[in-house]
PDB file of all heavy atoms in Angstrom:
ATOM      1  N   LYS A   1    -103.690 169.109 -56.822  1.00  0.00           N
ATOM      2  CA  LYS A   1    -104.984 168.454 -57.195  1.00  0.00           C
ATOM      3  C   LYS A   1    -104.725 167.457 -58.331  1.00  0.00           C
ATOM      4  O   LYS A   1    -103.980 167.736 -59.250  1.00  0.00           O
ATOM      5  CB  LYS A   1    -105.971 169.520 -57.653  1.00  0.00           C
ATOM      6  CG  LYS A   1    -106.363 170.419 -56.480  1.00  0.00           C
ATOM      7  CD  LYS A   1    -107.366 171.437 -56.900  1.00  0.00           C
ATOM      8  CE  LYS A   1    -107.719 172.305 -55.661  1.00  0.00           C
ATOM      9  NZ  LYS A   1    -108.688 173.321 -56.012  1.00  0.00           N
ATOM     10  N   VAL A   2    -105.420 166.348 -58.242  1.00  0.00           N
ATOM     11  CA  VAL A   2    -105.282 165.283 -59.249  1.00  0.00           C
ATOM     12  C   VAL A   2    -106.631 165.020 -59.846  1.00  0.00           C
ATOM     13  O   VAL A   2    -107.647 164.879 -59.168  1.00  0.00           O
ATOM     14  CB  VAL A   2    -104.738 163.972 -58.603  1.00  0.00           C
ATOM     15  CG1 VAL A   2    -104.516 162.916 -59.643  1.00  0.00           C
ATOM     16  CG2 VAL A   2    -103.399 164.267 -57.860  1.00  0.00           C
ATOM     17  N   GLY A   3    -106.666 164.946 -61.180  1.00  0.00           N
ATOM     18  CA  GLY A   3    -107.901 164.655 -61.920  1.00  0.00           C
ATOM     19  C   GLY A   3    -107.673 163.545 -62.911  1.00  0.00           C
ATOM     20  O   GLY A   3    -106.549 163.137 -63.121  1.00  0.00           O
ATOM     21  N   TRP A   4    -108.715 163.051 -63.482  1.00  0.00           N
ATOM     22  CA  TRP A   4    -108.593 161.991 -64.467  1.00  0.00           C
ATOM     23  C   TRP A   4    -109.511 162.235 -65.651  1.00  0.00           C
ATOM     24  O   TRP A   4    -110.590 162.809 -65.514  1.00  0.00           O
ATOM     25  CB  TRP A   4    -108.784 160.623 -63.862  1.00  0.00           C
ATOM     26  CG  TRP A   4    -110.149 160.395 -63.225  1.00  0.00           C
ATOM     27  CD1 TRP A   4    -110.426 160.628 -61.886  1.00  0.00           C
ATOM     28  CD2 TRP A   4    -111.314 159.931 -63.855  1.00  0.00           C
ATOM     29  NE1 TRP A   4    -111.737 160.357 -61.664  1.00  0.00           N
ATOM     30  CE2 TRP A   4    -112.337 159.894 -62.817  1.00  0.00           C
ATOM     31  CE3 TRP A   4    -111.679 159.569 -65.122  1.00  0.00           C
ATOM     32  CZ2 TRP A   4    -113.633 159.488 -63.086  1.00  0.00           C
ATOM     33  CZ3 TRP A   4    -112.977 159.140 -65.364  1.00  0.00           C
ATOM     34  CH2 TRP A   4    -113.941 159.080 -64.348  1.00  0.00           C
ATOM     35  N   PHE A   5    -109.064 161.798 -66.823  1.00  0.00           N
ATOM     36  CA  PHE A   5    -109.837 161.940 -68.094  1.00  0.00           C
ATOM     37  C   PHE A   5    -109.677 160.632 -68.827  1.00  0.00           C
ATOM     38  O   PHE A   5    -108.557 160.180 -69.064  1.00  0.00           O
ATOM     39  CB  PHE A   5    -109.290 163.091 -68.915  1.00  0.00           C
ATOM     40  CG  PHE A   5    -109.370 164.413 -68.190  1.00  0.00           C
ATOM     41  CD1 PHE A   5    -108.281 164.909 -67.507  1.00  0.00           C
ATOM     42  CD2 PHE A   5    -110.573 165.129 -68.176  1.00  0.00           C
ATOM     43  CE1 PHE A   5    -108.355 166.153 -66.864  1.00  0.00           C
ATOM     44  CE2 PHE A   5    -110.641 166.361 -67.523  1.00  0.00           C
ATOM     45  CZ  PHE A   5    -109.553 166.843 -66.841  1.00  0.00           C
ATOM     46  N   THR A   6    -110.752 160.027 -69.201  1.00  0.00           N
ATOM     47  CA  THR A   6    -110.668 158.722 -69.876  1.00  0.00           C
ATOM     48  C   THR A   6    -110.421 158.843 -71.389  1.00  0.00           C
ATOM     49  O   THR A   6    -109.377 158.440 -71.859  1.00  0.00           O
ATOM     50  CB  THR A   6    -111.911 157.891 -69.578  1.00  0.00           C
ATOM     51  OG1 THR A   6    -112.048 157.848 -68.186  1.00  0.00           O
ATOM     52  CG2 THR A   6    -111.760 156.465 -70.112  1.00  0.00           C
ATOM     53  N   PRO A   7    -111.324 159.453 -72.177  1.00  0.00           N
ATOM     54  CA  PRO A   7    -111.060 159.413 -73.640  1.00  0.00           C
ATOM     55  C   PRO A   7    -110.083 160.466 -74.076  1.00  0.00           C
ATOM     56  O   PRO A   7    -109.392 160.282 -75.080  1.00  0.00           O
ATOM     57  CB  PRO A   7    -112.453 159.695 -74.257  1.00  0.00           C
ATOM     58  CG  PRO A   7    -113.215 160.407 -73.171  1.00  0.00           C
ATOM     59  CD  PRO A   7    -112.639 159.979 -71.851  1.00  0.00           C
ATOM     60  N   GLU A   8    -109.966 161.554 -73.367  1.00  0.00           N
ATOM     61  CA  GLU A   8    -109.142 162.686 -73.829  1.00  0.00           C
ATOM     62  C   GLU A   8    -107.672 162.523 -73.589  1.00  0.00           C
ATOM     63  O   GLU A   8    -106.844 163.202 -74.204  1.00  0.00           O
ATOM     64  CB  GLU A   8    -109.620 164.011 -73.115  1.00  0.00           C
ATOM     65  CG  GLU A   8    -111.037 164.351 -73.361  1.00  0.00           C
ATOM     66  CD  GLU A   8    -111.957 163.781 -72.317  1.00  0.00           C
ATOM     67  OE1 GLU A   8    -111.509 163.072 -71.414  1.00  0.00           O
ATOM     68  OE2 GLU A   8    -113.199 164.024 -72.426  1.00  0.00           O
ATOM     69  N   LEU A   9    -107.261 161.690 -72.631  1.00  0.00           N
ATOM     70  CA  LEU A   9    -105.866 161.612 -72.185  1.00  0.00           C
ATOM     71  C   LEU A   9    -105.323 160.187 -72.519  1.00  0.00           C
ATOM     72  O   LEU A   9    -105.896 159.209 -72.172  1.00  0.00           O
ATOM     73  CB  LEU A   9    -105.764 161.895 -70.739  1.00  0.00           C
ATOM     74  CG  LEU A   9    -104.350 162.148 -70.192  1.00  0.00           C
ATOM     75  CD1 LEU A   9    -103.665 163.313 -70.854  1.00  0.00           C
ATOM     76  CD2 LEU A   9    -104.420 162.457 -68.683  1.00  0.00           C
ATOM     77  N   ASP A  10    -104.107 160.195 -73.205  1.00  0.00           N
ATOM     78  CA  ASP A  10    -103.457 158.936 -73.509  1.00  0.00           C
ATOM     79  C   ASP A  10    -103.201 158.146 -72.197  1.00  0.00           C
ATOM     80  O   ASP A  10    -102.714 158.744 -71.198  1.00  0.00           O
ATOM     81  CB  ASP A  10    -102.156 159.286 -74.177  1.00  0.00           C
ATOM     82  CG  ASP A  10    -101.390 158.076 -74.703  1.00  0.00           C
ATOM     83  OD1 ASP A  10    -101.317 157.041 -74.020  1.00  0.00           O
ATOM     84  OD2 ASP A  10    -100.898 158.214 -75.844  1.00  0.00           O
ATOM     85  N   PRO A  11    -103.561 156.850 -72.136  1.00  0.00           N
ATOM     86  CA  PRO A  11    -103.363 156.107 -70.904  1.00  0.00           C
ATOM     87  C   PRO A  11    -101.925 155.936 -70.429  1.00  0.00           C
ATOM     88  O   PRO A  11    -101.673 155.642 -69.284  1.00  0.00           O
ATOM     89  CB  PRO A  11    -103.991 154.748 -71.166  1.00  0.00           C
ATOM     90  CG  PRO A  11    -104.207 154.672 -72.638  1.00  0.00           C
ATOM     91  CD  PRO A  11    -104.190 156.070 -73.178  1.00  0.00           C
ATOM     92  N   HIS A  12    -100.976 156.206 -71.321  1.00  0.00           N
ATOM     93  CA  HIS A  12     -99.524 156.136 -70.972  1.00  0.00           C
ATOM     94  C   HIS A  12     -98.910 157.491 -70.814  1.00  0.00           C
ATOM     95  O   HIS A  12     -97.683 157.644 -70.920  1.00  0.00           O
ATOM     96  CB  HIS A  12     -98.774 155.350 -72.032  1.00  0.00           C
ATOM     97  CG  HIS A  12     -99.163 153.869 -72.070  1.00  0.00           C
ATOM     98  ND1 HIS A  12     -98.772 152.977 -71.119  1.00  0.00           N
ATOM     99  CD2 HIS A  12     -99.933 153.187 -72.924  1.00  0.00           C
ATOM    100  CE1 HIS A  12     -99.302 151.793 -71.370  1.00  0.00           C
ATOM    101  NE2 HIS A  12    -100.017 151.881 -72.475  1.00  0.00           N
ATOM    102  N   LYS A  13     -99.748 158.488 -70.492  1.00  0.00           N
ATOM    103  CA  LYS A  13     -99.196 159.861 -70.374  1.00  0.00           C
ATOM    104  C   LYS A  13     -99.708 160.457 -69.081  1.00  0.00           C
ATOM    105  O   LYS A  13    -100.794 160.156 -68.563  1.00  0.00           O
ATOM    106  CB  LYS A  13     -99.694 160.735 -71.581  1.00  0.00           C
ATOM    107  CG  LYS A  13     -99.067 162.066 -71.647  1.00  0.00           C
ATOM    108  CD  LYS A  13     -99.232 162.726 -72.991  1.00  0.00           C
ATOM    109  CE  LYS A  13    -100.577 163.263 -73.196  1.00  0.00           C
ATOM    110  NZ  LYS A  13    -100.696 164.104 -74.362  1.00  0.00           N
ATOM    111  N   LEU A  14     -98.907 161.392 -68.544  1.00  0.00           N
ATOM    112  CA  LEU A  14     -99.233 162.143 -67.327  1.00  0.00           C
ATOM    113  C   LEU A  14     -99.147 163.626 -67.735  1.00  0.00           C
ATOM    114  O   LEU A  14     -98.217 164.064 -68.327  1.00  0.00           O
ATOM    115  CB  LEU A  14     -98.217 161.856 -66.226  1.00  0.00           C
ATOM    116  CG  LEU A  14     -98.416 162.458 -64.866  1.00  0.00           C
ATOM    117  CD1 LEU A  14     -99.505 161.700 -64.132  1.00  0.00           C
ATOM    118  CD2 LEU A  14     -97.132 162.425 -64.099  1.00  0.00           C
ATOM    119  N   LEU A  15    -100.183 164.381 -67.429  1.00  0.00           N
ATOM    120  CA  LEU A  15    -100.247 165.814 -67.704  1.00  0.00           C
ATOM    121  C   LEU A  15    -100.032 166.566 -66.434  1.00  0.00           C
ATOM    122  O   LEU A  15    -100.732 166.326 -65.435  1.00  0.00           O
ATOM    123  CB  LEU A  15    -101.624 166.116 -68.291  1.00  0.00           C
ATOM    124  CG  LEU A  15    -101.974 167.584 -68.534  1.00  0.00           C
ATOM    125  CD1 LEU A  15    -101.124 168.189 -69.611  1.00  0.00           C
ATOM    126  CD2 LEU A  15    -103.467 167.733 -68.821  1.00  0.00           C
ATOM    127  N   LEU A  16     -99.082 167.520 -66.482  1.00  0.00           N
ATOM    128  CA  LEU A  16     -98.770 168.350 -65.281  1.00  0.00           C
ATOM    129  C   LEU A  16     -99.023 169.817 -65.673  1.00  0.00           C
ATOM    130  O   LEU A  16     -98.636 170.261 -66.741  1.00  0.00           O
ATOM    131  CB  LEU A  16     -97.350 168.169 -64.831  1.00  0.00           C
ATOM    132  CG  LEU A  16     -96.987 166.741 -64.412  1.00  0.00           C
ATOM    133  CD1 LEU A  16     -96.074 166.133 -65.476  1.00  0.00           C
ATOM    134  CD2 LEU A  16     -96.380 166.647 -63.056  1.00  0.00           C
ATOM    135  N   LEU A  17     -99.663 170.552 -64.729  1.00  0.00           N
ATOM    136  CA  LEU A  17     -99.938 171.983 -64.927  1.00  0.00           C
ATOM    137  C   LEU A  17     -99.352 172.786 -63.784  1.00  0.00           C
ATOM    138  O   LEU A  17     -99.387 172.368 -62.641  1.00  0.00           O
ATOM    139  CB  LEU A  17    -101.411 172.211 -64.984  1.00  0.00           C
ATOM    140  CG  LEU A  17    -102.198 171.554 -66.073  1.00  0.00           C
ATOM    141  CD1 LEU A  17    -103.670 171.663 -65.850  1.00  0.00           C
ATOM    142  CD2 LEU A  17    -101.839 172.147 -67.441  1.00  0.00           C
ATOM    143  N   SER A  18     -98.779 173.928 -64.141  1.00  0.00           N
ATOM    144  CA  SER A  18     -98.213 174.850 -63.179  1.00  0.00           C
ATOM    145  C   SER A  18     -98.858 176.218 -63.453  1.00  0.00           C
ATOM    146  O   SER A  18     -98.820 176.717 -64.572  1.00  0.00           O
ATOM    147  CB  SER A  18     -96.715 174.929 -63.279  1.00  0.00           C
ATOM    148  OG  SER A  18     -96.201 175.891 -62.361  1.00  0.00           O
ATOM    149  N   TYR A  19     -99.459 176.816 -62.429  1.00  0.00           N
ATOM    150  CA  TYR A  19    -100.145 178.045 -62.594  1.00  0.00           C
ATOM    151  C   TYR A  19     -99.167 179.119 -63.091  1.00  0.00           C
ATOM    152  O   TYR A  19     -98.173 179.402 -62.492  1.00  0.00           O
ATOM    153  CB  TYR A  19    -100.773 178.521 -61.263  1.00  0.00           C
ATOM    154  CG  TYR A  19    -101.447 179.855 -61.359  1.00  0.00           C
ATOM    155  CD1 TYR A  19    -102.641 179.957 -61.970  1.00  0.00           C
ATOM    156  CD2 TYR A  19    -100.829 181.013 -60.832  1.00  0.00           C
ATOM    157  CE1 TYR A  19    -103.307 181.190 -62.075  1.00  0.00           C
ATOM    158  CE2 TYR A  19    -101.461 182.209 -60.917  1.00  0.00           C
ATOM    159  CZ  TYR A  19    -102.721 182.308 -61.575  1.00  0.00           C
ATOM    160  OH  TYR A  19    -103.341 183.523 -61.639  1.00  0.00           O
ATOM    161  N   GLY A  20     -99.477 179.683 -64.216  1.00  0.00           N
ATOM    162  CA  GLY A  20     -98.687 180.713 -64.812  1.00  0.00           C
ATOM    163  C   GLY A  20     -97.394 180.299 -65.490  1.00  0.00           C
ATOM    164  O   GLY A  20     -96.673 181.103 -66.020  1.00  0.00           O
ATOM    165  N   ALA A  21     -97.097 178.989 -65.380  1.00  0.00           N
ATOM    166  CA  ALA A  21     -95.822 178.541 -65.944  1.00  0.00           C
ATOM    167  C   ALA A  21     -96.021 177.583 -67.138  1.00  0.00           C
ATOM    168  O   ALA A  21     -95.133 177.470 -68.008  1.00  0.00           O
ATOM    169  CB  ALA A  21     -94.981 177.824 -64.911  1.00  0.00           C
ATOM    170  N   GLY A  22     -97.098 176.868 -67.239  1.00  0.00           N
ATOM    171  CA  GLY A  22     -97.302 176.067 -68.386  1.00  0.00           C
ATOM    172  C   GLY A  22     -97.834 174.673 -68.099  1.00  0.00           C
ATOM    173  O   GLY A  22     -98.214 174.321 -66.999  1.00  0.00           O
ATOM    174  N   ARG A  23     -97.734 173.861 -69.170  1.00  0.00           N
ATOM    175  CA  ARG A  23     -98.200 172.514 -69.198  1.00  0.00           C
ATOM    176  C   ARG A  23     -97.094 171.587 -69.706  1.00  0.00           C
ATOM    177  O   ARG A  23     -96.369 171.977 -70.620  1.00  0.00           O
ATOM    178  CB  ARG A  23     -99.442 172.384 -70.076  1.00  0.00           C
ATOM    179  CG  ARG A  23     -99.794 170.953 -70.495  1.00  0.00           C
ATOM    180  CD  ARG A  23    -100.817 170.970 -71.614  1.00  0.00           C
ATOM    181  NE  ARG A  23    -100.847 169.616 -72.192  1.00  0.00           N
ATOM    182  CZ  ARG A  23    -101.912 169.153 -72.825  1.00  0.00           C
ATOM    183  NH1 ARG A  23    -102.978 169.878 -72.990  1.00  0.00           N
ATOM    184  NH2 ARG A  23    -101.889 167.947 -73.331  1.00  0.00           N
ATOM    185  N   TRP A  24     -97.004 170.398 -69.105  1.00  0.00           N
ATOM    186  CA  TRP A  24     -95.981 169.426 -69.573  1.00  0.00           C
ATOM    187  C   TRP A  24     -96.646 168.053 -69.664  1.00  0.00           C
ATOM    188  O   TRP A  24     -97.506 167.674 -68.826  1.00  0.00           O
ATOM    189  CB  TRP A  24     -94.835 169.381 -68.592  1.00  0.00           C
ATOM    190  CG  TRP A  24     -94.202 170.727 -68.445  1.00  0.00           C
ATOM    191  CD1 TRP A  24     -93.276 171.314 -69.272  1.00  0.00           C
ATOM    192  CD2 TRP A  24     -94.456 171.664 -67.371  1.00  0.00           C
ATOM    193  NE1 TRP A  24     -92.934 172.554 -68.785  1.00  0.00           N
ATOM    194  CE2 TRP A  24     -93.642 172.790 -67.663  1.00  0.00           C
ATOM    195  CE3 TRP A  24     -95.269 171.679 -66.261  1.00  0.00           C
ATOM    196  CZ2 TRP A  24     -93.668 173.909 -66.838  1.00  0.00           C
ATOM    197  CZ3 TRP A  24     -95.270 172.794 -65.466  1.00  0.00           C
ATOM    198  CH2 TRP A  24     -94.480 173.898 -65.781  1.00  0.00           C
ATOM    199  N   ASP A  25     -96.171 167.296 -70.641  1.00  0.00           N
ATOM    200  CA  ASP A  25     -96.700 165.923 -70.854  1.00  0.00           C
ATOM    201  C   ASP A  25     -95.550 164.953 -70.720  1.00  0.00           C
ATOM    202  O   ASP A  25     -94.539 165.097 -71.452  1.00  0.00           O
ATOM    203  CB  ASP A  25     -97.292 165.823 -72.242  1.00  0.00           C
ATOM    204  CG  ASP A  25     -98.502 166.735 -72.444  1.00  0.00           C
ATOM    205  OD1 ASP A  25     -99.595 166.376 -71.997  1.00  0.00           O
ATOM    206  OD2 ASP A  25     -98.343 167.817 -72.984  1.00  0.00           O
ATOM    207  N   LEU A  26     -95.718 163.982 -69.864  1.00  0.00           N
ATOM    208  CA  LEU A  26     -94.669 162.981 -69.658  1.00  0.00           C
ATOM    209  C   LEU A  26     -95.205 161.592 -70.041  1.00  0.00           C
ATOM    210  O   LEU A  26     -96.337 161.194 -69.713  1.00  0.00           O
ATOM    211  CB  LEU A  26     -94.259 162.914 -68.197  1.00  0.00           C
ATOM    212  CG  LEU A  26     -93.561 164.126 -67.607  1.00  0.00           C
ATOM    213  CD1 LEU A  26     -93.247 163.931 -66.131  1.00  0.00           C
ATOM    214  CD2 LEU A  26     -92.286 164.442 -68.369  1.00  0.00           C
ATOM    215  N   LEU A  27     -94.349 160.850 -70.778  1.00  0.00           N
ATOM    216  CA  LEU A  27     -94.615 159.436 -71.006  1.00  0.00           C
ATOM    217  C   LEU A  27     -94.458 158.728 -69.636  1.00  0.00           C
ATOM    218  O   LEU A  27     -93.526 158.962 -68.919  1.00  0.00           O
ATOM    219  CB  LEU A  27     -93.554 158.876 -71.984  1.00  0.00           C
ATOM    220  CG  LEU A  27     -93.487 157.376 -72.085  1.00  0.00           C
ATOM    221  CD1 LEU A  27     -94.692 156.802 -72.788  1.00  0.00           C
ATOM    222  CD2 LEU A  27     -92.222 156.965 -72.818  1.00  0.00           C
ATOM    223  N   VAL A  28     -95.426 157.850 -69.328  1.00  0.00           N
ATOM    224  CA  VAL A  28     -95.370 157.071 -68.119  1.00  0.00           C
ATOM    225  C   VAL A  28     -94.929 155.636 -68.534  1.00  0.00           C
ATOM    226  O   VAL A  28     -95.662 154.933 -69.195  1.00  0.00           O
ATOM    227  CB  VAL A  28     -96.728 156.995 -67.355  1.00  0.00           C
ATOM    228  CG1 VAL A  28     -96.609 156.106 -66.149  1.00  0.00           C
ATOM    229  CG2 VAL A  28     -97.143 158.400 -66.996  1.00  0.00           C
ATOM    230  N   ILE A  29     -93.721 155.292 -68.143  1.00  0.00           N
ATOM    231  CA  ILE A  29     -93.202 153.977 -68.462  1.00  0.00           C
ATOM    232  C   ILE A  29     -93.734 152.971 -67.453  1.00  0.00           C
ATOM    233  O   ILE A  29     -93.721 153.245 -66.207  1.00  0.00           O
ATOM    234  CB  ILE A  29     -91.658 153.978 -68.420  1.00  0.00           C
ATOM    235  CG1 ILE A  29     -91.120 154.989 -69.469  1.00  0.00           C
ATOM    236  CG2 ILE A  29     -91.063 152.609 -68.623  1.00  0.00           C
ATOM    237  CD1 ILE A  29     -89.654 155.254 -69.342  1.00  0.00           C
ATOM    238  N   PRO A  30     -94.332 151.859 -67.861  1.00  0.00           N
ATOM    239  CA  PRO A  30     -94.929 150.921 -66.878  1.00  0.00           C
ATOM    240  C   PRO A  30     -93.883 150.513 -65.844  1.00  0.00           C
ATOM    241  O   PRO A  30     -92.737 150.254 -66.123  1.00  0.00           O
ATOM    242  CB  PRO A  30     -95.306 149.717 -67.776  1.00  0.00           C
ATOM    243  CG  PRO A  30     -95.526 150.306 -69.118  1.00  0.00           C
ATOM    244  CD  PRO A  30     -94.545 151.431 -69.230  1.00  0.00           C
ATOM    245  N   PRO A  31     -94.333 150.528 -64.537  1.00  0.00           N
ATOM    246  CA  PRO A  31     -93.404 150.180 -63.441  1.00  0.00           C
ATOM    247  C   PRO A  31     -92.660 148.872 -63.606  1.00  0.00           C
ATOM    248  O   PRO A  31     -91.549 148.750 -63.157  1.00  0.00           O
ATOM    249  CB  PRO A  31     -94.280 150.193 -62.224  1.00  0.00           C
ATOM    250  CG  PRO A  31     -95.487 151.011 -62.587  1.00  0.00           C
ATOM    251  CD  PRO A  31     -95.652 150.863 -64.080  1.00  0.00           C
ATOM    252  N   GLY A  32     -93.317 147.874 -64.219  1.00  0.00           N
ATOM    253  CA  GLY A  32     -92.713 146.595 -64.361  1.00  0.00           C
ATOM    254  C   GLY A  32     -91.749 146.420 -65.524  1.00  0.00           C
ATOM    255  O   GLY A  32     -91.232 145.313 -65.789  1.00  0.00           O
ATOM    256  N   SER A  33     -91.511 147.508 -66.243  1.00  0.00           N
ATOM    257  CA  SER A  33     -90.558 147.462 -67.393  1.00  0.00           C
ATOM    258  C   SER A  33     -89.175 147.096 -66.998  1.00  0.00           C
ATOM    259  O   SER A  33     -88.714 147.409 -65.903  1.00  0.00           O
ATOM    260  CB  SER A  33     -90.566 148.830 -68.103  1.00  0.00           C
ATOM    261  OG  SER A  33     -91.839 149.174 -68.573  1.00  0.00           O
ATOM    262  N   THR A  34     -88.464 146.490 -67.917  1.00  0.00           N
ATOM    263  CA  THR A  34     -87.032 146.210 -67.653  1.00  0.00           C
ATOM    264  C   THR A  34     -86.200 147.496 -67.729  1.00  0.00           C
ATOM    265  O   THR A  34     -86.695 148.501 -68.341  1.00  0.00           O
ATOM    266  CB  THR A  34     -86.470 145.219 -68.666  1.00  0.00           C
ATOM    267  OG1 THR A  34     -86.528 145.814 -69.994  1.00  0.00           O
ATOM    268  CG2 THR A  34     -87.263 143.928 -68.682  1.00  0.00           C
ATOM    269  N   ALA A  35     -85.070 147.504 -67.165  1.00  0.00           N
ATOM    270  CA  ALA A  35     -84.192 148.677 -67.239  1.00  0.00           C
ATOM    271  C   ALA A  35     -83.850 149.042 -68.689  1.00  0.00           C
ATOM    272  O   ALA A  35     -83.782 150.187 -69.082  1.00  0.00           O
ATOM    273  CB  ALA A  35     -82.914 148.448 -66.422  1.00  0.00           C
ATOM    274  N   ALA A  36     -83.634 148.004 -69.527  1.00  0.00           N
ATOM    275  CA  ALA A  36     -83.269 148.254 -70.921  1.00  0.00           C
ATOM    276  C   ALA A  36     -84.443 148.934 -71.675  1.00  0.00           C
ATOM    277  O   ALA A  36     -84.270 149.861 -72.416  1.00  0.00           O
ATOM    278  CB  ALA A  36     -82.900 146.955 -71.636  1.00  0.00           C
ATOM    279  N   SER A  37     -85.651 148.440 -71.448  1.00  0.00           N
ATOM    280  CA  SER A  37     -86.831 148.978 -72.067  1.00  0.00           C
ATOM    281  C   SER A  37     -87.073 150.404 -71.599  1.00  0.00           C
ATOM    282  O   SER A  37     -87.347 151.307 -72.362  1.00  0.00           O
ATOM    283  CB  SER A  37     -88.029 148.118 -71.743  1.00  0.00           C
ATOM    284  OG  SER A  37     -89.249 148.715 -72.223  1.00  0.00           O
ATOM    285  N   ALA A  38     -86.933 150.680 -70.324  1.00  0.00           N
ATOM    286  CA  ALA A  38     -87.135 152.003 -69.744  1.00  0.00           C
ATOM    287  C   ALA A  38     -86.092 152.943 -70.321  1.00  0.00           C
ATOM    288  O   ALA A  38     -86.413 154.126 -70.652  1.00  0.00           O
ATOM    289  CB  ALA A  38     -87.005 151.985 -68.252  1.00  0.00           C
ATOM    290  N   ALA A  39     -84.842 152.516 -70.479  1.00  0.00           N
ATOM    291  CA  ALA A  39     -83.821 153.374 -71.063  1.00  0.00           C
ATOM    292  C   ALA A  39     -84.135 153.763 -72.484  1.00  0.00           C
ATOM    293  O   ALA A  39     -84.000 154.954 -72.872  1.00  0.00           O
ATOM    294  CB  ALA A  39     -82.452 152.664 -70.996  1.00  0.00           C
ATOM    295  N   ARG A  40     -84.599 152.804 -73.277  1.00  0.00           N
ATOM    296  CA  ARG A  40     -84.995 153.106 -74.685  1.00  0.00           C
ATOM    297  C   ARG A  40     -86.139 154.111 -74.688  1.00  0.00           C
ATOM    298  O   ARG A  40     -86.152 155.090 -75.498  1.00  0.00           O
ATOM    299  CB  ARG A  40     -85.414 151.800 -75.396  1.00  0.00           C
ATOM    300  CG  ARG A  40     -84.303 150.885 -75.761  1.00  0.00           C
ATOM    301  CD  ARG A  40     -84.770 149.783 -76.703  1.00  0.00           C
ATOM    302  NE  ARG A  40     -85.839 148.982 -76.186  1.00  0.00           N
ATOM    303  CZ  ARG A  40     -85.675 147.903 -75.417  1.00  0.00           C
ATOM    304  NH1 ARG A  40     -84.457 147.479 -75.100  1.00  0.00           N
ATOM    305  NH2 ARG A  40     -86.738 147.207 -74.951  1.00  0.00           N
TER     306      ARG A  40
END
C-alpha cells in the first residue's frame, strides 16, 4: 500500500514500513542527478 503526506513528510524522503519489523527512512536522490552527486 502506498500513501502520501504533504506537510508531515520531507519531499526528498521515502518512508517504508514492515509489519512487525519496523520503519525505515530513505533519502530519495533526484533521478536526474549526476553520478558524482548521487555518490556523494
